[in-house]
Amino acid sequence: MTAEELGGADVHTRLSGVADYLASDDADALYTARTVVSTLHATKPPAFDVTSPEDPRYEPTGTRRHRGH
């Protein structure tokens, strides 16, 4: 069994998913790391609607509100 089969970079990026990027050499690794870090402070739109809700058009019939007594 080789060192790569025991858990080298290819195994961790392609098979197990422990790592996201595989670099061919140090320069490639630094380029990839700088690219990833440069996107860390990117502004993302909210994942949900943050506008104020509108009032209902009508009150549903047959509902009772709990008064807490």
C-alpha atoms as a PDB file:
ATOM      1  CA  MET A   1       0.000   0.000   0.000  1.00  0.00           C
ATOM      2  CA  THR A   2       1.367   3.411  -0.962  1.00  0.00           C
ATOM      3  CA  ALA A   3       1.354   6.629   1.054  1.00  0.00           C
ATOM      4  CA  GLU A   4      -1.156   8.066  -1.448  1.00  0.00           C
ATOM      5  CA  GLU A   5      -3.525   5.130  -0.903  1.00  0.00           C
ATOM      6  CA  LEU A   6      -3.304   5.692   2.853  1.00  0.00           C
ATOM      7  CA  GLY A   7      -4.525   9.243   2.573  1.00  0.00           C
ATOM      8  CA  GLY A   8      -2.666  11.478   0.165  1.00  0.00           C
ATOM      9  CA  ALA A   9      -3.966  14.662  -1.429  1.00  0.00           C
ATOM     10  CA  ASP A  10      -5.750  12.855  -4.255  1.00  0.00           C
ATOM     11  CA  VAL A  11      -7.634  10.626  -1.833  1.00  0.00           C
ATOM     12  CA  HIS A  12      -8.715  13.585   0.309  1.00  0.00           C
ATOM     13  CA  THR A  13      -9.906  15.716  -2.602  1.00  0.00           C
ATOM     14  CA  ARG A  14     -11.347  13.141  -4.972  1.00  0.00           C
ATOM     15  CA  LEU A  15     -12.647  10.349  -2.756  1.00  0.00           C
ATOM     16  CA  SER A  16     -13.250  11.404   0.838  1.00  0.00           C
ATOM     17  CA  GLY A  17     -14.110  15.072   0.311  1.00  0.00           C
ATOM     18  CA  VAL A  18     -12.019  16.136   3.317  1.00  0.00           C
ATOM     19  CA  ALA A  19     -10.185  18.709   1.165  1.00  0.00           C
ATOM     20  CA  ASP A  20     -11.645  20.923  -1.538  1.00  0.00           C
ATOM     21  CA  TYR A  21      -8.614  21.758  -3.690  1.00  0.00           C
ATOM     22  CA  LEU A  22      -5.687  19.782  -5.076  1.00  0.00           C
ATOM     23  CA  ALA A  23      -2.590  21.783  -6.029  1.00  0.00           C
ATOM     24  CA  SER A  24       0.072  20.603  -8.429  1.00  0.00           C
ATOM     25  CA  ASP A  25       2.848  22.501  -6.616  1.00  0.00           C
ATOM     26  CA  ASP A  26       3.465  25.232  -4.020  1.00  0.00           C
ATOM     27  CA  ALA A  27       2.834  28.068  -6.477  1.00  0.00           C
ATOM     28  CA  ASP A  28      -0.509  26.542  -7.488  1.00  0.00           C
ATOM     29  CA  ALA A  29      -1.449  26.089  -3.813  1.00  0.00           C
ATOM     30  CA  LEU A  30      -0.641  29.727  -3.015  1.00  0.00           C
ATOM     31  CA  TYR A  31      -2.592  30.950  -6.042  1.00  0.00           C
ATOM     32  CA  THR A  32      -5.625  28.867  -5.019  1.00  0.00           C
ATOM     33  CA  ALA A  33      -5.402  29.982  -1.378  1.00  0.00           C
ATOM     34  CA  ARG A  34      -5.183  33.657  -2.389  1.00  0.00           C
ATOM     35  CA  THR A  35      -8.167  33.262  -4.707  1.00  0.00           C
ATOM     36  CA  VAL A  36     -10.278  31.660  -1.984  1.00  0.00           C
ATOM     37  CA  VAL A  37      -9.277  34.226   0.654  1.00  0.00           C
ATOM     38  CA  SER A  38     -10.047  37.111  -1.716  1.00  0.00           C
ATOM     39  CA  THR A  39     -13.704  36.044  -1.774  1.00  0.00           C
ATOM     40  CA  LEU A  40     -14.174  35.827   2.013  1.00  0.00           C
ATOM     41  CA  HIS A  41     -15.537  39.351   2.435  1.00  0.00           C
ATOM     42  CA  ALA A  42     -17.750  39.340  -0.628  1.00  0.00           C
ATOM     43  CA  THR A  43     -21.193  40.770   0.058  1.00  0.00           C
ATOM     44  CA  LYS A  44     -23.912  38.208  -0.466  1.00  0.00           C
ATOM     45  CA  PRO A  45     -27.618  38.974  -0.851  1.00  0.00           C
ATOM     46  CA  PRO A  46     -29.792  37.799   2.049  1.00  0.00           C
ATOM     47  CA  ALA A  47     -31.055  34.244   1.755  1.00  0.00           C
ATOM     48  CA  PHE A  48     -34.606  35.354   2.596  1.00  0.00           C
ATOM     49  CA  ASP A  49     -36.989  38.240   1.967  1.00  0.00           C
ATOM     50  CA  VAL A  50     -36.235  41.071   4.404  1.00  0.00           C
ATOM     51  CA  THR A  51     -39.022  43.442   3.357  1.00  0.00           C
ATOM     52  CA  SER A  52     -41.802  44.381   5.760  1.00  0.00           C
ATOM     53  CA  PRO A  53     -44.900  42.183   5.581  1.00  0.00           C
ATOM     54  CA  GLU A  54     -48.120  43.603   4.211  1.00  0.00           C
ATOM     55  CA  ASP A  55     -51.291  43.749   6.281  1.00  0.00           C
ATOM     56  CA  PRO A  56     -53.749  40.944   5.515  1.00  0.00           C
ATOM     57  CA  ARG A  57     -56.481  41.787   3.011  1.00  0.00           C
ATOM     58  CA  TYR A  58     -59.118  40.346   5.329  1.00  0.00           C
ATOM     59  CA  GLU A  59     -59.382  38.709   8.738  1.00  0.00           C
ATOM     60  CA  PRO A  60     -60.017  34.962   8.474  1.00  0.00           C
ATOM     61  CA  THR A  61     -63.467  33.957   9.736  1.00  0.00           C
ATOM     62  CA  GLY A  62     -63.991  31.415  12.464  1.00  0.00           C
ATOM     63  CA  THR A  63     -60.791  32.169  14.297  1.00  0.00           C
ATOM     64  CA  ARG A  64     -60.546  33.026  17.952  1.00  0.00           C
ATOM     65  CA  ARG A  65     -57.689  34.781  19.553  1.00  0.00           C
ATOM     66  CA  HIS A  66     -56.383  33.593  22.884  1.00  0.00           C
ATOM     67  CA  ARG A  67     -56.614  36.336  25.471  1.00  0.00           C
ATOM     68  CA  GLY A  68     -54.230  34.743  27.969  1.00  0.00           C
ATOM     69  CA  HIS A  69     -56.806  34.365  30.797  1.00  0.00           C
END
